[in-house]
PDB file of N, CA and C in Angstrom:
ATOM      1  N   MET A   1      -0.225-138.634  71.283  1.00  0.00           N
ATOM      2  CA  MET A   1       0.970-139.449  71.160  1.00  0.00           C
ATOM      3  C   MET A   1       1.822-138.861  70.049  1.00  0.00           C
ATOM      4  N   SER A   2       3.035-138.501  70.316  1.00  0.00           N
ATOM      5  CA  SER A   2       3.901-137.953  69.278  1.00  0.00           C
ATOM      6  C   SER A   2       4.800-139.053  68.743  1.00  0.00           C
ATOM      7  N   THR A   3       5.237-138.855  67.513  1.00  0.00           N
ATOM      8  CA  THR A   3       6.038-139.862  66.833  1.00  0.00           C
ATOM      9  C   THR A   3       7.514-139.601  67.064  1.00  0.00           C
ATOM     10  N   PRO A   4       8.250-140.538  67.620  1.00  0.00           N
ATOM     11  CA  PRO A   4       9.694-140.386  67.708  1.00  0.00           C
ATOM     12  C   PRO A   4      10.272-140.380  66.295  1.00  0.00           C
ATOM     13  N   ALA A   5      11.207-139.486  66.021  1.00  0.00           N
ATOM     14  CA  ALA A   5      11.771-139.379  64.688  1.00  0.00           C
ATOM     15  C   ALA A   5      12.353-140.715  64.238  1.00  0.00           C
ATOM     16  N   ASN A   6      11.904-141.179  63.077  1.00  0.00           N
ATOM     17  CA  ASN A   6      12.402-142.412  62.459  1.00  0.00           C
ATOM     18  C   ASN A   6      12.342-143.627  63.384  1.00  0.00           C
ATOM     19  N   SER A   7      11.323-143.727  64.182  1.00  0.00           N
ATOM     20  CA  SER A   7      11.198-144.862  65.092  1.00  0.00           C
ATOM     21  C   SER A   7      10.602-146.054  64.350  1.00  0.00           C
ATOM     22  N   ASP A   8      11.469-147.028  64.020  1.00  0.00           N
ATOM     23  CA  ASP A   8      11.012-148.208  63.291  1.00  0.00           C
ATOM     24  C   ASP A   8       9.951-148.977  64.070  1.00  0.00           C
ATOM     25  N   GLU A   9      10.119-149.056  65.380  1.00  0.00           N
ATOM     26  CA  GLU A   9       9.160-149.788  66.213  1.00  0.00           C
ATOM     27  C   GLU A   9       7.788-149.108  66.167  1.00  0.00           C
ATOM     28  N   PHE A  10       7.773-147.772  66.240  1.00  0.00           N
ATOM     29  CA  PHE A  10       6.511-147.037  66.167  1.00  0.00           C
ATOM     30  C   PHE A  10       5.799-147.328  64.849  1.00  0.00           C
ATOM     31  N   TYR A  11       6.534-147.244  63.751  1.00  0.00           N
ATOM     32  CA  TYR A  11       5.925-147.452  62.435  1.00  0.00           C
ATOM     33  C   TYR A  11       5.465-148.897  62.242  1.00  0.00           C
ATOM     34  N   LYS A  12       6.183-149.831  62.810  1.00  0.00           N
ATOM     35  CA  LYS A  12       5.803-151.236  62.732  1.00  0.00           C
ATOM     36  C   LYS A  12       4.459-151.461  63.438  1.00  0.00           C
ATOM     37  N   LYS A  13       4.304-150.880  64.635  1.00  0.00           N
ATOM     38  CA  LYS A  13       3.047-150.994  65.380  1.00  0.00           C
ATOM     39  C   LYS A  13       1.911-150.286  64.654  1.00  0.00           C
ATOM     40  N   LEU A  14       2.207-149.089  64.118  1.00  0.00           N
ATOM     41  CA  LEU A  14       1.183-148.331  63.392  1.00  0.00           C
ATOM     42  C   LEU A  14       0.707-149.113  62.177  1.00  0.00           C
ATOM     43  N   LYS A  15       1.632-149.702  61.431  1.00  0.00           N
ATOM     44  CA  LYS A  15       1.266-150.480  60.246  1.00  0.00           C
ATOM     45  C   LYS A  15       0.341-151.637  60.621  1.00  0.00           C
ATOM     46  N   ALA A  16       0.687-152.370  61.678  1.00  0.00           N
ATOM     47  CA  ALA A  16      -0.141-153.492  62.126  1.00  0.00           C
ATOM     48  C   ALA A  16      -1.529-153.009  62.543  1.00  0.00           C
ATOM     49  N   GLN A  17      -1.567-151.905  63.282  1.00  0.00           N
ATOM     50  CA  GLN A  17      -2.843-151.363  63.749  1.00  0.00           C
ATOM     51  C   GLN A  17      -3.707-150.921  62.562  1.00  0.00           C
ATOM     52  N   LEU A  18      -3.111-150.215  61.607  1.00  0.00           N
ATOM     53  CA  LEU A  18      -3.868-149.757  60.442  1.00  0.00           C
ATOM     54  C   LEU A  18      -4.362-150.936  59.611  1.00  0.00           C
ATOM     55  N   HIS A  19      -3.530-151.940  59.489  1.00  0.00           N
ATOM     56  CA  HIS A  19      -3.898-153.120  58.712  1.00  0.00           C
ATOM     57  C   HIS A  19      -5.075-153.849  59.363  1.00  0.00           C
ATOM     58  N   ASP A  20      -5.067-153.941  60.680  1.00  0.00           N
ATOM     59  CA  ASP A  20      -6.089-154.700  61.406  1.00  0.00           C
ATOM     60  C   ASP A  20      -7.417-153.968  61.572  1.00  0.00           C
ATOM     61  N   THR A  21      -7.390-152.652  61.537  1.00  0.00           N
ATOM     62  CA  THR A  21      -8.591-151.890  61.887  1.00  0.00           C
ATOM     63  C   THR A  21      -9.242-151.148  60.726  1.00  0.00           C
ATOM     64  N   THR A  22      -8.651-151.198  59.535  1.00  0.00           N
ATOM     65  CA  THR A  22      -9.145-150.368  58.442  1.00  0.00           C
ATOM     66  C   THR A  22      -9.249-151.171  57.151  1.00  0.00           C
ATOM     67  N   ASN A  23     -10.312-150.912  56.397  1.00  0.00           N
ATOM     68  CA  ASN A  23     -10.455-151.489  55.057  1.00  0.00           C
ATOM     69  C   ASN A  23      -9.867-150.499  54.056  1.00  0.00           C
ATOM     70  N   TRP A  24      -8.879-150.924  53.316  1.00  0.00           N
ATOM     71  CA  TRP A  24      -8.149-150.038  52.398  1.00  0.00           C
ATOM     72  C   TRP A  24      -8.640-150.218  50.972  1.00  0.00           C
ATOM     73  N   PRO A  25      -8.606-149.131  50.167  1.00  0.00           N
ATOM     74  CA  PRO A  25      -8.182-147.775  50.479  1.00  0.00           C
ATOM     75  C   PRO A  25      -9.172-147.098  51.433  1.00  0.00           C
ATOM     76  N   ALA A  26      -8.674-146.095  52.168  1.00  0.00           N
ATOM     77  CA  ALA A  26      -9.497-145.432  53.180  1.00  0.00           C
ATOM     78  C   ALA A  26      -9.053-143.988  53.377  1.00  0.00           C
ATOM     79  N   GLU A  27      -9.987-143.191  53.911  1.00  0.00           N
ATOM     80  CA  GLU A  27      -9.646-141.823  54.308  1.00  0.00           C
ATOM     81  C   GLU A  27      -8.732-141.901  55.526  1.00  0.00           C
ATOM     82  N   TYR A  28      -7.697-141.062  55.547  1.00  0.00           N
ATOM     83  CA  TYR A  28      -6.791-141.030  56.689  1.00  0.00           C
ATOM     84  C   TYR A  28      -6.567-139.583  57.079  1.00  0.00           C
ATOM     85  N   LEU A  29      -6.552-139.318  58.383  1.00  0.00           N
ATOM     86  CA  LEU A  29      -6.335-137.976  58.900  1.00  0.00           C
ATOM     87  C   LEU A  29      -4.964-137.895  59.548  1.00  0.00           C
ATOM     88  N   TYR A  30      -4.093-137.102  58.943  1.00  0.00           N
ATOM     89  CA  TYR A  30      -2.782-136.804  59.524  1.00  0.00           C
ATOM     90  C   TYR A  30      -2.928-135.558  60.381  1.00  0.00           C
ATOM     91  N   LYS A  31      -2.215-135.533  61.509  1.00  0.00           N
ATOM     92  CA  LYS A  31      -2.177-134.336  62.353  1.00  0.00           C
ATOM     93  C   LYS A  31      -0.722-134.061  62.712  1.00  0.00           C
ATOM     94  N   PHE A  32      -0.297-132.831  62.467  1.00  0.00           N
ATOM     95  CA  PHE A  32       1.063-132.409  62.758  1.00  0.00           C
ATOM     96  C   PHE A  32       1.026-131.095  63.516  1.00  0.00           C
ATOM     97  N   ILE A  33       2.082-130.857  64.298  1.00  0.00           N
ATOM     98  CA  ILE A  33       2.281-129.555  64.934  1.00  0.00           C
ATOM     99  C   ILE A  33       3.662-129.087  64.526  1.00  0.00           C
ATOM    100  N   VAL A  34       3.731-127.813  64.141  1.00  0.00           N
ATOM    101  CA  VAL A  34       4.996-127.243  63.702  1.00  0.00           C
ATOM    102  C   VAL A  34       5.082-125.811  64.224  1.00  0.00           C
ATOM    103  N   VAL A  35       6.296-125.339  64.453  1.00  0.00           N
ATOM    104  CA  VAL A  35       6.480-123.934  64.813  1.00  0.00           C
ATOM    105  C   VAL A  35       5.889-123.112  63.675  1.00  0.00           C
ATOM    106  N   THR A  36       5.139-122.065  64.002  1.00  0.00           N
ATOM    107  CA  THR A  36       4.513-121.257  62.966  1.00  0.00           C
ATOM    108  C   THR A  36       5.594-120.634  62.081  1.00  0.00           C
ATOM    109  N   ASP A  37       5.653-121.125  60.867  1.00  0.00           N
ATOM    110  CA  ASP A  37       6.637-120.694  59.875  1.00  0.00           C
ATOM    111  C   ASP A  37       6.014-120.997  58.517  1.00  0.00           C
ATOM    112  N   ASN A  38       5.704-119.954  57.756  1.00  0.00           N
ATOM    113  CA  ASN A  38       5.010-120.150  56.486  1.00  0.00           C
ATOM    114  C   ASN A  38       5.769-121.065  55.534  1.00  0.00           C
ATOM    115  N   LYS A  39       7.096-121.033  55.581  1.00  0.00           N
ATOM    116  CA  LYS A  39       7.889-121.895  54.695  1.00  0.00           C
ATOM    117  C   LYS A  39       7.706-123.369  55.069  1.00  0.00           C
ATOM    118  N   LYS A  40       7.708-123.664  56.373  1.00  0.00           N
ATOM    119  CA  LYS A  40       7.521-125.051  56.815  1.00  0.00           C
ATOM    120  C   LYS A  40       6.118-125.545  56.473  1.00  0.00           C
ATOM    121  N   ILE A  41       5.133-124.698  56.665  1.00  0.00           N
ATOM    122  CA  ILE A  41       3.752-125.079  56.374  1.00  0.00           C
ATOM    123  C   ILE A  41       3.581-125.294  54.871  1.00  0.00           C
ATOM    124  N   ALA A  42       4.159-124.418  54.060  1.00  0.00           N
ATOM    125  CA  ALA A  42       4.078-124.577  52.603  1.00  0.00           C
ATOM    126  C   ALA A  42       4.785-125.854  52.156  1.00  0.00           C
ATOM    127  N   LYS A  43       5.911-126.182  52.796  1.00  0.00           N
ATOM    128  CA  LYS A  43       6.638-127.402  52.457  1.00  0.00           C
ATOM    129  C   LYS A  43       5.784-128.629  52.783  1.00  0.00           C
ATOM    130  N   MET A  44       5.096-128.570  53.928  1.00  0.00           N
ATOM    131  CA  MET A  44       4.226-129.679  54.313  1.00  0.00           C
ATOM    132  C   MET A  44       3.068-129.816  53.316  1.00  0.00           C
ATOM    133  N   GLU A  45       2.472-128.696  52.931  1.00  0.00           N
ATOM    134  CA  GLU A  45       1.382-128.737  51.962  1.00  0.00           C
ATOM    135  C   GLU A  45       1.871-129.297  50.628  1.00  0.00           C
ATOM    136  N   ALA A  46       3.099-128.966  50.239  1.00  0.00           N
ATOM    137  CA  ALA A  46       3.658-129.459  48.976  1.00  0.00           C
ATOM    138  C   ALA A  46       3.832-130.975  48.986  1.00  0.00           C
ATOM    139  N   ILE A  47       4.141-131.537  50.138  1.00  0.00           N
ATOM    140  CA  ILE A  47       4.303-132.993  50.254  1.00  0.00           C
ATOM    141  C   ILE A  47       3.002-133.712  49.901  1.00  0.00           C
ATOM    142  N   PHE A  48       1.876-133.093  50.212  1.00  0.00           N
ATOM    143  CA  PHE A  48       0.570-133.703  49.961  1.00  0.00           C
ATOM    144  C   PHE A  48      -0.121-133.103  48.739  1.00  0.00           C
ATOM    145  N   ASP A  49       0.595-132.286  47.956  1.00  0.00           N
ATOM    146  CA  ASP A  49       0.030-131.622  46.787  1.00  0.00           C
ATOM    147  C   ASP A  49      -0.373-132.644  45.731  1.00  0.00           C
ATOM    148  N   ASN A  50      -1.410-132.318  44.990  1.00  0.00           N
ATOM    149  CA  ASN A  50      -1.909-133.156  43.887  1.00  0.00           C
ATOM    150  C   ASN A  50      -2.351-134.553  44.333  1.00  0.00           C
ATOM    151  N   MET A  51      -2.761-134.668  45.585  1.00  0.00           N
ATOM    152  CA  MET A  51      -3.262-135.955  46.082  1.00  0.00           C
ATOM    153  C   MET A  51      -4.736-135.864  46.482  1.00  0.00           C
ATOM    154  N   GLY A  52      -5.343-134.687  46.298  1.00  0.00           N
ATOM    155  CA  GLY A  52      -6.730-134.501  46.698  1.00  0.00           C
ATOM    156  C   GLY A  52      -6.889-134.278  48.189  1.00  0.00           C
ATOM    157  N   ALA A  53      -5.834-133.832  48.843  1.00  0.00           N
ATOM    158  CA  ALA A  53      -5.855-133.642  50.297  1.00  0.00           C
ATOM    159  C   ALA A  53      -6.665-132.406  50.686  1.00  0.00           C
ATOM    160  N   ILE A  54      -7.363-132.533  51.800  1.00  0.00           N
ATOM    161  CA  ILE A  54      -8.023-131.396  52.434  1.00  0.00           C
ATOM    162  C   ILE A  54      -7.127-130.996  53.597  1.00  0.00           C
ATOM    163  N   ILE A  55      -6.588-129.775  53.536  1.00  0.00           N
ATOM    164  CA  ILE A  55      -5.601-129.333  54.525  1.00  0.00           C
ATOM    165  C   ILE A  55      -6.172-128.161  55.314  1.00  0.00           C
ATOM    166  N   GLN A  56      -6.128-128.296  56.644  1.00  0.00           N
ATOM    167  CA  GLN A  56      -6.582-127.220  57.531  1.00  0.00           C
ATOM    168  C   GLN A  56      -5.451-126.864  58.489  1.00  0.00           C
ATOM    169  N   THR A  57      -5.240-125.572  58.681  1.00  0.00           N
ATOM    170  CA  THR A  57      -4.225-125.121  59.632  1.00  0.00           C
ATOM    171  C   THR A  57      -4.880-124.267  60.705  1.00  0.00           C
ATOM    172  N   THR A  58      -4.382-124.410  61.927  1.00  0.00           N
ATOM    173  CA  THR A  58      -4.891-123.629  63.057  1.00  0.00           C
ATOM    174  C   THR A  58      -3.711-123.179  63.901  1.00  0.00           C
ATOM    175  N   GLU A  59      -3.590-121.862  64.083  1.00  0.00           N
ATOM    176  CA  GLU A  59      -2.513-121.348  64.932  1.00  0.00           C
ATOM    177  C   GLU A  59      -2.896-121.479  66.395  1.00  0.00           C
ATOM    178  N   SER A  60      -1.875-121.681  67.239  1.00  0.00           N
ATOM    179  CA  SER A  60      -2.109-121.715  68.682  1.00  0.00           C
ATOM    180  C   SER A  60      -2.521-120.322  69.146  1.00  0.00           C
ATOM    181  N   LYS A  61      -3.000-120.252  70.367  1.00  0.00           N
ATOM    182  CA  LYS A  61      -3.501-118.990  70.904  1.00  0.00           C
ATOM    183  C   LYS A  61      -2.452-117.882  70.839  1.00  0.00           C
ATOM    184  N   ASN A  62      -1.203-118.212  71.154  1.00  0.00           N
ATOM    185  CA  ASN A  62      -0.158-117.189  71.124  1.00  0.00           C
ATOM    186  C   ASN A  62       0.537-117.087  69.767  1.00  0.00           C
ATOM    187  N   GLY A  63       0.138-117.952  68.805  1.00  0.00           N
ATOM    188  CA  GLY A  63       0.670-117.879  67.452  1.00  0.00           C
ATOM    189  C   GLY A  63       2.032-118.514  67.256  1.00  0.00           C
ATOM    190  N   LYS A  64       2.565-119.156  68.291  1.00  0.00           N
ATOM    191  CA  LYS A  64       3.898-119.738  68.192  1.00  0.00           C
ATOM    192  C   LYS A  64       3.896-121.050  67.409  1.00  0.00           C
ATOM    193  N   TYR A  65       2.812-121.812  67.506  1.00  0.00           N
ATOM    194  CA  TYR A  65       2.709-123.107  66.836  1.00  0.00           C
ATOM    195  C   TYR A  65       1.487-123.143  65.924  1.00  0.00           C
ATOM    196  N   THR A  66       1.561-124.011  64.927  1.00  0.00           N
ATOM    197  CA  THR A  66       0.432-124.218  64.028  1.00  0.00           C
ATOM    198  C   THR A  66       0.157-125.712  63.937  1.00  0.00           C
ATOM    199  N   SER A  67      -1.113-126.077  64.096  1.00  0.00           N
ATOM    200  CA  SER A  67      -1.485-127.480  63.871  1.00  0.00           C
ATOM    201  C   SER A  67      -1.943-127.595  62.415  1.00  0.00           C
ATOM    202  N   VAL A  68      -1.530-128.684  61.793  1.00  0.00           N
ATOM    203  CA  VAL A  68      -1.884-128.928  60.398  1.00  0.00           C
ATOM    204  C   VAL A  68      -2.599-130.269  60.347  1.00  0.00           C
ATOM    205  N   SER A  69      -3.844-130.251  59.882  1.00  0.00           N
ATOM    206  CA  SER A  69      -4.635-131.469  59.709  1.00  0.00           C
ATOM    207  C   SER A  69      -4.777-131.720  58.215  1.00  0.00           C
ATOM    208  N   ILE A  70      -4.470-132.947  57.815  1.00  0.00           N
ATOM    209  CA  ILE A  70      -4.501-133.296  56.398  1.00  0.00           C
ATOM    210  C   ILE A  70      -5.329-134.568  56.248  1.00  0.00           C
ATOM    211  N   ASN A  71      -6.407-134.455  55.510  1.00  0.00           N
ATOM    212  CA  ASN A  71      -7.323-135.576  55.306  1.00  0.00           C
ATOM    213  C   ASN A  71      -7.273-135.972  53.837  1.00  0.00           C
ATOM    214  N   LEU A  72      -6.988-137.263  53.564  1.00  0.00           N
ATOM    215  CA  LEU A  72      -6.959-137.715  52.180  1.00  0.00           C
ATOM    216  C   LEU A  72      -7.133-139.215  52.084  1.00  0.00           C
ATOM    217  N   LEU A  73      -7.441-139.651  50.878  1.00  0.00           N
ATOM    218  CA  LEU A  73      -7.628-141.066  50.609  1.00  0.00           C
ATOM    219  C   LEU A  73      -6.259-141.707  50.402  1.00  0.00           C
ATOM    220  N   MET A  74      -5.975-142.741  51.209  1.00  0.00           N
ATOM    221  CA  MET A  74      -4.702-143.460  51.102  1.00  0.00           C
ATOM    222  C   MET A  74      -4.987-144.891  50.680  1.00  0.00           C
ATOM    223  N   ARG A  75      -4.052-145.493  49.929  1.00  0.00           N
ATOM    224  CA  ARG A  75      -4.298-146.827  49.372  1.00  0.00           C
ATOM    225  C   ARG A  75      -4.018-147.961  50.345  1.00  0.00           C
ATOM    226  N   ASN A  76      -3.076-147.767  51.296  1.00  0.00           N
ATOM    227  CA  ASN A  76      -2.741-148.839  52.236  1.00  0.00           C
ATOM    228  C   ASN A  76      -1.883-148.294  53.384  1.00  0.00           C
ATOM    229  N   PRO A  77      -1.632-149.095  54.425  1.00  0.00           N
ATOM    230  CA  PRO A  77      -0.825-148.625  55.558  1.00  0.00           C
ATOM    231  C   PRO A  77       0.586-148.194  55.164  1.00  0.00           C
ATOM    232  N   ASP A  78       1.188-148.862  54.185  1.00  0.00           N
ATOM    233  CA  ASP A  78       2.538-148.474  53.750  1.00  0.00           C
ATOM    234  C   ASP A  78       2.561-147.056  53.196  1.00  0.00           C
ATOM    235  N   ALA A  79       1.521-146.683  52.443  1.00  0.00           N
ATOM    236  CA  ALA A  79       1.444-145.336  51.887  1.00  0.00           C
ATOM    237  C   ALA A  79       1.301-144.291  53.002  1.00  0.00           C
ATOM    238  N   VAL A  80       0.535-144.624  54.043  1.00  0.00           N
ATOM    239  CA  VAL A  80       0.363-143.723  55.187  1.00  0.00           C
ATOM    240  C   VAL A  80       1.716-143.486  55.857  1.00  0.00           C
ATOM    241  N   ILE A  81       2.435-144.547  56.129  1.00  0.00           N
ATOM    242  CA  ILE A  81       3.724-144.463  56.829  1.00  0.00           C
ATOM    243  C   ILE A  81       4.762-143.746  55.972  1.00  0.00           C
ATOM    244  N   GLU A  82       4.721-143.978  54.663  1.00  0.00           N
ATOM    245  CA  GLU A  82       5.650-143.309  53.755  1.00  0.00           C
ATOM    246  C   GLU A  82       5.534-141.787  53.872  1.00  0.00           C
ATOM    247  N   LYS A  83       4.300-141.286  53.960  1.00  0.00           N
ATOM    248  CA  LYS A  83       4.092-139.835  54.091  1.00  0.00           C
ATOM    249  C   LYS A  83       4.569-139.327  55.455  1.00  0.00           C
ATOM    250  N   TYR A  84       4.315-140.080  56.530  1.00  0.00           N
ATOM    251  CA  TYR A  84       4.829-139.675  57.842  1.00  0.00           C
ATOM    252  C   TYR A  84       6.344-139.519  57.791  1.00  0.00           C
ATOM    253  N   LYS A  85       7.023-140.498  57.187  1.00  0.00           N
ATOM    254  CA  LYS A  85       8.480-140.460  57.109  1.00  0.00           C
ATOM    255  C   LYS A  85       8.964-139.303  56.245  1.00  0.00           C
ATOM    256  N   GLU A  86       8.260-139.028  55.150  1.00  0.00           N
ATOM    257  CA  GLU A  86       8.647-137.923  54.273  1.00  0.00           C
ATOM    258  C   GLU A  86       8.530-136.581  54.997  1.00  0.00           C
ATOM    259  N   VAL A  87       7.443-136.397  55.739  1.00  0.00           N
ATOM    260  CA  VAL A  87       7.267-135.153  56.504  1.00  0.00           C
ATOM    261  C   VAL A  87       8.372-135.021  57.550  1.00  0.00           C
ATOM    262  N   ALA A  88       8.645-136.099  58.282  1.00  0.00           N
ATOM    263  CA  ALA A  88       9.675-136.066  59.331  1.00  0.00           C
ATOM    264  C   ALA A  88      11.053-135.750  58.743  1.00  0.00           C
ATOM    265  N   GLU A  89      11.316-136.258  57.552  1.00  0.00           N
ATOM    266  CA  GLU A  89      12.610-136.060  56.908  1.00  0.00           C
ATOM    267  C   GLU A  89      12.776-134.636  56.364  1.00  0.00           C
ATOM    268  N   LYS A  90      11.695-134.059  55.838  1.00  0.00           N
ATOM    269  CA  LYS A  90      11.790-132.787  55.133  1.00  0.00           C
ATOM    270  C   LYS A  90      11.497-131.555  55.991  1.00  0.00           C
ATOM    271  N   ILE A  91      10.826-131.756  57.135  1.00  0.00           N
ATOM    272  CA  ILE A  91      10.421-130.606  57.952  1.00  0.00           C
ATOM    273  C   ILE A  91      10.986-130.749  59.351  1.00  0.00           C
ATOM    274  N   GLU A  92      11.953-129.905  59.636  1.00  0.00           N
ATOM    275  CA  GLU A  92      12.646-129.953  60.936  1.00  0.00           C
ATOM    276  C   GLU A  92      11.713-129.554  62.070  1.00  0.00           C
ATOM    277  N   GLY A  93      11.731-130.343  63.141  1.00  0.00           N
ATOM    278  CA  GLY A  93      10.979-130.010  64.354  1.00  0.00           C
ATOM    279  C   GLY A  93       9.512-130.329  64.313  1.00  0.00           C
ATOM    280  N   VAL A  94       9.038-131.014  63.267  1.00  0.00           N
ATOM    281  CA  VAL A  94       7.621-131.340  63.190  1.00  0.00           C
ATOM    282  C   VAL A  94       7.279-132.410  64.217  1.00  0.00           C
ATOM    283  N   ILE A  95       6.091-132.301  64.784  1.00  0.00           N
ATOM    284  CA  ILE A  95       5.580-133.305  65.719  1.00  0.00           C
ATOM    285  C   ILE A  95       4.404-133.971  65.043  1.00  0.00           C
ATOM    286  N   SER A  96       4.446-135.285  64.920  1.00  0.00           N
ATOM    287  CA  SER A  96       3.344-136.051  64.339  1.00  0.00           C
ATOM    288  C   SER A  96       2.469-136.578  65.467  1.00  0.00           C
ATOM    289  N   LEU A  97       1.168-136.439  65.302  1.00  0.00           N
ATOM    290  CA  LEU A  97       0.236-136.917  66.332  1.00  0.00           C
ATOM    291  C   LEU A  97      -0.557-138.099  65.811  1.00  0.00           C
TER     292      LEU A  97
END
């Protein structure tokens, strides 16, 4: 499921789901897909810098796209959504999964 850019309805549903299914603070796994571009990947890593995030990147078979998985401890659903919005705002063409 990809995230529509700045979709308030999507974030509202995600917040409710996270609130109902998770005891906070909790580990959260972000997954993004971006066109393989070292600057975009570095920008994404910088967004999660100094948060204790474990970041893994995997290039697609043809090298055109890179998946970025980011695992870290988040304090609540609002903090999770805040990071999704920050990534969407700062990195053009990113797909959130």
